[in-house]
Amino acid sequence: MSFLVFEDMVKYFGKLTAVDHISLSIEQGEFLTLLGPSGCGKTTMLRMVAGFEQPDGGRILLDGEDITQRAARKRPMGMVFQSYALFPHMTAEQNIAFGMNMKKLPSEHIRKRCAELLELVDLAGRGRHYPHQLSGGQQQRIALARALAVEPKVLLLDEPLSALDARVRVSLRNEIRRIQQQLAMTAIYVTHDQEEALAISDRIAVMAKGKVEQIDQPEEIYRNPRTAFAATFVGTTNQFTGTLDSAREGLCRIGNQLFQIPAQPTLADGAVVLVVVRPEEIALHATDEAVDTAQNGRGNYLDGVIELRTFLGPFTRFHIQLSEQGKLTADIPSRLVEGYTVGHRVQVSFPPEACQVLPLDQASQAASSLLEVEAI
């Protein structure tokens, strides 16, 4: 049996369904991230695990034991908040010791444990500093050490890096992952930052409107999304809404153009689909190098004009206005972009296997059009 299990979890706030019959399992030592936009239910899920919210249906099992109705103070959880939540009148060491003092542990044990944790979070020698004497990143490290001090069975992290600047976020997320792996601790991490989720998770549960759209390893979610929402929320995408001319042959009509896509044996001709292409899958050609699509016979080729060029280090991002299908984003290795400037006519291409194809329901069709989506 899995270490932590959610069985058919439901939570209402008035008429709003915040968590809609979610079931999932977490293995011992696993790092699971709940990823989704604001209001998707991810923080509510975390708060129900912690005992700060009571579910309106379902059960939570920890190591085979039902803890659904157990008070928060009696659950073996460690919580790291977005706002650090350190006691300003206590030193770093006193903040770390708080939970152990509440449990009335021996003072010598507390002293040794505080020293170990300060070393673990790379803040040895800062134990006598007050929160106002520490940077934001250092305060969050102390908050992490405090959560670990009581030796919880599950570590809960509620958007712990969102108040930090970009450089500190990257450094601290790596530290959180290192510590979690070193301690082999089960962790649930809540974030709306898809890059963060991809970087540190064993598995990601992509959430929307109180439901789990997909739960899988980061690579699988990025390369093989199972729903239109998962495809467009995780990573940057180009989206084309079209109709299958031939599911068996992999032909999809988008506007006046016939796209070549992978064969779709589970879909019928005439089905409305979302075709997703990642920017890194796209090649850029100057007009004098443009491929004769009639002779080439394989792949997808579109004409357009460069509207914006953004240098991003190892690659350069191009925003291209296409002749018919709207706009498209292409990420090209920076060593290959000489001569491509704003206003130039170009041709873009991508192979059929670069297309991720997902069926659209009627609600999605009404809202869908070709557009570039950069997930928040």
Protein backbone atom coordinates (compact mmCIF):
# COMPACT_ATOMS: atom_id res chain seq x y z
CA MET A 1 0.00 0.00 0.00
CA SER A 2 1.17 3.54 -0.75
CA PHE A 3 2.48 5.66 2.12
CA LEU A 4 0.02 8.57 1.77
CA VAL A 5 -3.35 8.05 0.08
CA PHE A 6 -6.15 10.44 -0.85
CA GLU A 7 -9.44 8.60 -1.37
CA ASP A 8 -12.18 10.47 -3.26
CA MET A 9 -11.41 13.80 -1.58
CA VAL A 10 -14.07 16.52 -1.78
CA LYS A 11 -14.09 20.07 -0.41
CA TYR A 12 -16.72 22.78 -0.86
CA PHE A 13 -16.59 26.46 -0.01
CA GLY A 14 -20.23 27.46 -0.25
CA LYS A 15 -21.30 26.64 -3.82
CA LEU A 16 -17.71 26.40 -5.03
CA THR A 17 -16.21 22.92 -5.41
CA ALA A 18 -12.57 23.49 -4.49
CA VAL A 19 -11.57 19.80 -4.61
CA ASP A 20 -13.68 17.54 -6.80
CA HIS A 21 -13.38 13.83 -5.94
CA ILE A 22 -9.59 13.53 -6.12
CA SER A 23 -7.89 10.19 -5.50
CA LEU A 24 -4.13 9.78 -5.63
CA SER A 25 -1.31 7.91 -3.88
CA ILE A 26 2.16 8.99 -2.82
CA GLU A 27 5.01 6.61 -2.13
CA GLN A 28 7.32 6.91 0.86
CA GLY A 29 10.27 9.17 0.04
CA GLU A 30 8.54 10.62 -3.03
CA PHE A 31 8.54 14.32 -3.95
CA LEU A 32 5.11 15.12 -5.41
CA THR A 33 4.25 18.59 -6.71
CA LEU A 34 0.69 19.90 -6.99
CA LEU A 35 0.87 22.28 -9.95
CA GLY A 36 -1.84 24.54 -11.26
CA PRO A 37 -3.20 28.09 -11.52
CA SER A 38 -4.73 30.05 -8.67
CA GLY A 39 -8.04 28.55 -7.54
CA CYS A 40 -7.36 25.04 -8.86
CA GLY A 41 -7.52 23.43 -5.40
CA LYS A 42 -3.85 22.65 -4.82
CA THR A 43 -3.45 24.63 -1.59
CA THR A 44 -6.77 23.28 -0.29
CA MET A 45 -5.41 19.76 -0.84
CA LEU A 46 -2.28 20.63 1.14
CA ARG A 47 -4.28 22.20 3.96
CA MET A 48 -6.46 19.09 4.23
CA VAL A 49 -3.34 16.93 4.59
CA ALA A 50 -2.03 19.28 7.29
CA GLY A 51 -5.38 19.23 9.11
CA PHE A 52 -6.07 22.96 8.66
CA GLU A 53 -9.16 22.16 6.54
CA GLN A 54 -11.60 19.30 6.99
CA PRO A 55 -12.77 17.51 3.81
CA ASP A 56 -16.48 17.27 3.02
CA GLY A 57 -15.95 13.76 1.70
CA GLY A 58 -13.26 11.14 1.28
CA ARG A 59 -10.39 9.92 3.44
CA ILE A 60 -6.69 10.56 4.03
CA LEU A 61 -4.59 7.52 4.93
CA LEU A 62 -1.05 7.84 6.24
CA ASP A 63 0.93 4.61 6.39
CA GLY A 64 -2.35 2.68 6.42
CA GLU A 65 -3.94 4.76 9.21
CA ASP A 66 -6.96 7.02 8.67
CA ILE A 67 -5.99 10.54 9.78
CA THR A 68 -8.92 12.38 8.16
CA GLN A 69 -10.41 13.58 11.46
CA ARG A 70 -7.17 13.90 13.42
CA ALA A 71 -6.34 17.39 14.74
CA ALA A 72 -3.56 19.25 12.96
CA ARG A 73 -1.31 19.32 16.05
CA LYS A 74 -1.51 15.52 16.26
CA ARG A 75 -0.47 14.88 12.65
CA PRO A 76 3.18 14.03 11.93
CA MET A 77 3.54 16.83 9.38
CA GLY A 78 6.06 19.62 8.91
CA MET A 79 4.80 22.74 7.14
CA VAL A 80 6.75 25.43 5.26
CA PHE A 81 4.71 28.51 4.40
CA GLN A 82 5.07 31.07 1.65
CA SER A 83 5.50 33.91 4.17
CA TYR A 84 8.22 32.17 6.27
CA ALA A 85 6.03 32.68 9.42
CA LEU A 86 9.05 32.98 11.71
CA PHE A 87 8.62 34.42 15.19
CA PRO A 88 10.32 37.85 14.96
CA HIS A 89 11.22 37.98 18.68
CA MET A 90 13.05 34.63 18.51
CA THR A 91 16.48 33.85 17.13
CA ALA A 92 16.92 31.40 14.27
CA GLU A 93 17.85 28.68 16.75
CA GLN A 94 14.83 29.43 18.94
CA ASN A 95 12.53 29.30 15.90
CA ILE A 96 13.93 25.89 14.96
CA ALA A 97 13.53 24.67 18.54
CA PHE A 98 9.92 25.83 18.89
CA GLY A 99 8.22 22.57 17.94
CA MET A 100 10.62 20.50 20.01
CA ASN A 101 10.02 22.72 23.04
CA MET A 102 6.27 22.25 22.60
CA LYS A 103 6.87 18.49 22.74
CA LYS A 104 8.95 18.99 25.89
CA LEU A 105 11.97 17.18 24.47
CA PRO A 106 15.20 17.18 26.51
CA SER A 107 17.19 20.42 26.19
CA GLU A 108 20.39 18.63 25.17
CA HIS A 109 18.53 16.84 22.35
CA ILE A 110 17.06 20.18 21.22
CA ARG A 111 20.48 21.87 21.22
CA LYS A 112 22.08 19.09 19.17
CA ARG A 113 19.14 18.90 16.77
CA CYS A 114 19.25 22.67 16.15
CA ALA A 115 22.97 22.50 15.39
CA GLU A 116 22.42 19.59 12.97
CA LEU A 117 19.64 21.40 11.13
CA LEU A 118 21.53 24.68 10.89
CA GLU A 119 24.34 22.68 9.27
CA LEU A 120 21.87 20.89 6.99
CA VAL A 121 20.42 24.16 5.63
CA ASP A 122 23.90 25.69 5.35
CA LEU A 123 23.39 28.31 8.07
CA ALA A 124 25.79 27.09 10.74
CA GLY A 125 26.90 30.09 12.78
CA ARG A 126 23.64 32.02 12.17
CA GLY A 127 21.68 30.44 15.01
CA ARG A 128 21.72 33.58 17.17
CA HIS A 129 20.55 35.89 14.39
CA TYR A 130 17.01 37.26 14.48
CA PRO A 131 14.80 37.04 11.37
CA HIS A 132 15.29 40.73 10.51
CA GLN A 133 19.06 40.07 10.39
CA LEU A 134 18.63 37.37 7.72
CA SER A 135 17.86 37.60 4.01
CA GLY A 136 14.61 36.23 2.61
CA GLY A 137 16.33 33.09 1.40
CA GLN A 138 17.99 32.55 4.78
CA GLN A 139 14.67 33.04 6.59
CA GLN A 140 13.06 30.39 4.40
CA ARG A 141 15.92 28.02 5.17
CA ILE A 142 15.22 28.53 8.87
CA ALA A 143 11.53 27.88 8.24
CA LEU A 144 12.50 24.65 6.47
CA ALA A 145 14.76 23.64 9.37
CA ARG A 146 11.93 24.35 11.83
CA ALA A 147 9.58 22.09 9.84
CA LEU A 148 12.18 19.30 9.84
CA ALA A 149 13.01 19.66 13.54
CA VAL A 150 10.04 17.59 14.71
CA GLU A 151 11.04 14.75 12.34
CA PRO A 152 7.77 14.72 10.39
CA LYS A 153 6.63 11.80 8.29
CA VAL A 154 5.53 14.21 5.54
CA LEU A 155 6.98 17.60 4.61
CA LEU A 156 4.42 20.07 3.23
CA LEU A 157 5.58 23.13 1.27
CA ASP A 158 3.06 25.81 0.25
CA GLU A 159 4.65 27.94 -2.50
CA PRO A 160 7.73 28.45 -0.30
CA LEU A 161 9.78 30.32 -2.93
CA SER A 162 7.27 32.75 -4.43
CA ALA A 163 8.39 35.69 -2.26
CA LEU A 164 12.04 35.35 -3.30
CA ASP A 165 13.89 36.81 -6.26
CA ALA A 166 14.64 34.58 -9.26
CA ARG A 167 18.27 33.75 -8.46
CA VAL A 168 17.54 32.85 -4.83
CA ARG A 169 14.53 30.76 -5.91
CA VAL A 170 16.66 28.57 -8.14
CA SER A 171 19.32 28.11 -5.46
CA LEU A 172 16.85 27.33 -2.68
CA ARG A 173 14.70 24.96 -4.72
CA ASN A 174 17.83 22.91 -5.39
CA GLU A 175 18.59 22.94 -1.66
CA ILE A 176 15.07 21.77 -0.81
CA ARG A 177 15.42 18.91 -3.27
CA ARG A 178 18.88 17.99 -1.94
CA ILE A 179 17.66 17.92 1.65
CA GLN A 180 14.52 15.93 0.78
CA GLN A 181 16.59 13.32 -1.05
CA GLN A 182 19.24 13.21 1.68
CA LEU A 183 16.58 12.55 4.34
CA ALA A 184 14.50 10.28 2.03
CA MET A 185 11.47 12.23 3.20
CA THR A 186 8.01 12.20 1.65
CA ALA A 187 7.17 15.71 0.45
CA ILE A 188 4.20 17.50 -1.12
CA TYR A 189 5.05 20.79 -2.81
CA VAL A 190 2.49 23.34 -4.02
CA THR A 191 3.35 25.80 -6.78
CA HIS A 192 1.95 27.57 -9.84
CA ASP A 193 5.46 27.78 -11.35
CA GLN A 194 5.76 25.03 -13.97
CA GLU A 195 9.54 25.45 -14.33
CA GLU A 196 9.94 24.91 -10.60
CA ALA A 197 7.74 21.80 -10.73
CA LEU A 198 9.63 20.31 -13.68
CA ALA A 199 13.00 20.90 -12.00
CA ILE A 200 12.53 19.22 -8.63
CA SER A 201 9.65 16.73 -8.69
CA ASP A 202 9.54 12.94 -8.84
CA ARG A 203 5.96 13.32 -10.08
CA ILE A 204 3.68 16.24 -10.86
CA ALA A 205 -0.09 16.38 -10.43
CA VAL A 206 -1.38 19.03 -12.84
CA MET A 207 -4.60 20.48 -11.41
CA ALA A 208 -7.44 22.56 -12.83
CA LYS A 209 -10.88 23.40 -11.41
CA GLY A 210 -10.53 21.06 -8.46
CA LYS A 211 -9.50 18.03 -10.51
CA VAL A 212 -6.21 16.32 -11.39
CA GLU A 213 -5.74 16.62 -15.15
CA GLN A 214 -2.65 14.41 -15.20
CA ILE A 215 -0.25 12.91 -12.70
CA ASP A 216 3.06 11.68 -14.03
CA GLN A 217 6.82 12.15 -14.12
CA PRO A 218 7.89 15.62 -15.31
CA GLU A 219 9.34 14.36 -18.60
CA GLU A 220 6.16 12.46 -19.42
CA ILE A 221 3.89 15.42 -18.73
CA TYR A 222 6.03 17.67 -20.92
CA ARG A 223 6.45 15.22 -23.80
CA ASN A 224 3.14 13.34 -23.66
CA PRO A 225 0.39 15.48 -22.10
CA ARG A 226 -2.96 13.71 -21.86
CA THR A 227 -5.26 16.74 -21.83
CA ALA A 228 -5.35 20.08 -23.60
CA PHE A 229 -4.94 21.87 -20.27
CA ALA A 230 -1.84 19.88 -19.28
CA ALA A 231 -0.31 20.50 -22.71
CA THR A 232 -0.82 24.25 -22.61
CA PHE A 233 -0.14 24.92 -18.91
CA VAL A 234 3.19 23.11 -18.67
CA GLY A 235 5.81 24.83 -20.80
CA THR A 236 5.52 27.20 -23.74
CA THR A 237 3.44 25.95 -26.64
CA ASN A 238 2.10 26.82 -30.06
CA GLN A 239 -1.50 25.68 -30.46
CA PHE A 240 -3.44 24.93 -33.61
CA THR A 241 -7.12 23.99 -33.60
CA GLY A 242 -8.04 21.81 -36.57
CA THR A 243 -10.11 18.95 -37.94
CA LEU A 244 -8.83 15.48 -38.79
CA ASP A 245 -9.00 14.84 -42.52
CA SER A 246 -7.56 11.37 -42.08
CA ALA A 247 -6.90 9.98 -38.62
CA ARG A 248 -5.28 6.86 -40.07
CA GLU A 249 -2.88 8.76 -42.34
CA GLY A 250 -2.21 11.57 -39.86
CA LEU A 251 -3.65 14.49 -41.83
CA CYS A 252 -5.20 17.47 -40.04
CA ARG A 253 -6.75 20.52 -41.71
CA ILE A 254 -5.93 23.80 -39.99
CA GLY A 255 -7.41 26.75 -41.83
CA ASN A 256 -6.61 26.23 -45.50
CA GLN A 257 -3.53 24.12 -44.83
CA LEU A 258 -3.18 20.36 -44.40
CA PHE A 259 -0.84 19.48 -41.52
CA GLN A 260 1.01 16.20 -41.24
CA ILE A 261 0.70 14.75 -37.73
CA PRO A 262 1.21 11.30 -36.16
CA ALA A 263 -1.52 8.79 -37.02
CA GLN A 264 -4.46 8.92 -34.58
CA PRO A 265 -5.89 5.38 -34.37
CA THR A 266 -8.17 6.23 -31.43
CA LEU A 267 -9.85 9.21 -33.15
CA ALA A 268 -12.32 9.42 -36.03
CA ASP A 269 -12.14 11.47 -39.21
CA GLY A 270 -13.76 14.84 -38.66
CA ALA A 271 -12.79 15.04 -34.98
CA VAL A 272 -11.81 18.50 -33.75
CA VAL A 273 -8.35 18.41 -32.19
CA LEU A 274 -5.74 20.64 -30.62
CA VAL A 275 -2.31 20.31 -32.23
CA VAL A 276 0.48 21.43 -29.88
CA VAL A 277 4.03 22.14 -31.03
CA ARG A 278 6.82 23.13 -28.65
CA PRO A 279 8.95 26.14 -29.74
CA GLU A 280 12.18 24.12 -29.59
CA GLU A 281 10.80 21.70 -32.22
CA ILE A 282 10.61 24.44 -34.86
CA ALA A 283 13.30 25.17 -37.47
CA LEU A 284 13.76 28.56 -39.10
CA HIS A 285 14.67 29.11 -42.77
CA ALA A 286 15.55 32.26 -44.67
CA THR A 287 13.36 32.86 -47.73
CA ASP A 288 16.21 32.01 -50.10
CA GLU A 289 16.58 28.67 -48.24
CA ALA A 290 12.84 27.94 -48.11
CA VAL A 291 11.92 24.34 -48.73
CA ASP A 292 9.84 23.41 -51.76
CA THR A 293 7.03 21.69 -49.89
CA ALA A 294 5.61 20.13 -53.05
CA GLN A 295 8.90 18.34 -53.71
CA ASN A 296 9.78 17.61 -50.11
CA GLY A 297 6.48 15.88 -49.29
CA ARG A 298 7.07 15.44 -45.54
CA GLY A 299 6.73 17.86 -42.66
CA ASN A 300 4.92 21.13 -42.08
CA TYR A 301 6.06 24.41 -43.61
CA LEU A 302 4.62 27.85 -42.87
CA ASP A 303 5.54 31.32 -44.15
CA GLY A 304 5.70 34.35 -41.90
CA VAL A 305 7.37 37.56 -40.78
CA ILE A 306 9.54 38.00 -37.66
CA GLU A 307 7.76 40.39 -35.27
CA LEU A 308 9.99 40.09 -32.21
CA ARG A 309 13.41 38.63 -31.45
CA THR A 310 14.48 38.00 -27.84
CA PHE A 311 17.96 36.78 -26.85
CA LEU A 312 17.73 34.28 -23.98
CA GLY A 313 21.31 33.02 -23.75
CA PRO A 314 21.63 29.53 -25.26
CA PHE A 315 18.62 30.14 -27.50
CA THR A 316 16.86 33.09 -29.14
CA ARG A 317 13.07 33.30 -29.13
CA PHE A 318 11.32 34.48 -32.29
CA HIS A 319 7.69 35.62 -32.43
CA ILE A 320 6.52 35.14 -35.99
CA GLN A 321 3.36 36.41 -37.65
CA LEU A 322 2.23 33.65 -39.99
CA SER A 323 0.59 34.29 -43.33
CA GLU A 324 -2.64 32.48 -42.42
CA GLN A 325 -2.63 30.72 -39.04
CA GLY A 326 -1.89 33.57 -36.60
CA LYS A 327 1.31 33.76 -34.55
CA LEU A 328 3.98 31.23 -33.66
CA THR A 329 6.95 31.10 -31.28
CA ALA A 330 10.23 29.45 -32.23
CA ASP A 331 13.23 28.84 -29.95
CA ILE A 332 16.37 28.63 -32.07
CA PRO A 333 19.92 27.93 -30.80
CA SER A 334 21.60 31.34 -30.63
CA ARG A 335 24.56 30.19 -32.71
CA LEU A 336 22.18 29.70 -35.66
CA VAL A 337 20.29 33.01 -35.69
CA GLU A 338 22.67 35.38 -37.48
CA GLY A 339 20.82 37.34 -40.15
CA TYR A 340 17.32 36.75 -38.77
CA THR A 341 16.03 40.19 -37.81
CA VAL A 342 12.68 41.82 -37.10
CA GLY A 343 10.68 42.43 -40.27
CA HIS A 344 12.32 39.67 -42.33
CA ARG A 345 10.18 37.12 -44.14
CA VAL A 346 11.02 33.54 -43.12
CA GLN A 347 9.75 30.00 -43.39
CA VAL A 348 9.29 27.80 -40.31
CA SER A 349 9.07 24.01 -40.33
CA PHE A 350 8.48 21.14 -37.95
CA PRO A 351 8.14 17.37 -38.51
CA PRO A 352 4.90 15.41 -37.96
CA GLU A 353 6.31 13.71 -34.85
CA ALA A 354 6.74 17.13 -33.17
CA CYS A 355 2.93 17.48 -33.07
CA GLN A 356 1.11 16.51 -29.89
CA VAL A 357 -2.53 15.87 -30.78
CA LEU A 358 -5.35 16.08 -28.23
CA PRO A 359 -9.12 15.84 -28.74
CA LEU A 360 -11.16 18.89 -27.86
CA ASP A 361 -14.59 18.89 -26.24
CA GLN A 362 -17.19 21.47 -27.23
CA ALA A 363 -16.34 23.85 -24.39
CA SER A 364 -12.69 23.80 -25.37
CA GLN A 365 -13.51 24.31 -29.05
CA ALA A 366 -15.39 27.50 -28.31
CA ALA A 367 -12.41 28.97 -26.47
CA SER A 368 -9.66 27.64 -28.73
CA SER A 369 -7.80 29.37 -31.51
CA LEU A 370 -4.21 29.41 -32.68
CA LEU A 371 -2.20 31.22 -30.05
CA GLU A 372 1.01 31.09 -28.12
CA VAL A 373 0.64 30.24 -24.44
CA GLU A 374 3.37 30.84 -21.89
CA ALA A 375 2.31 29.04 -18.72
CA ILE A 376 2.56 31.03 -15.53
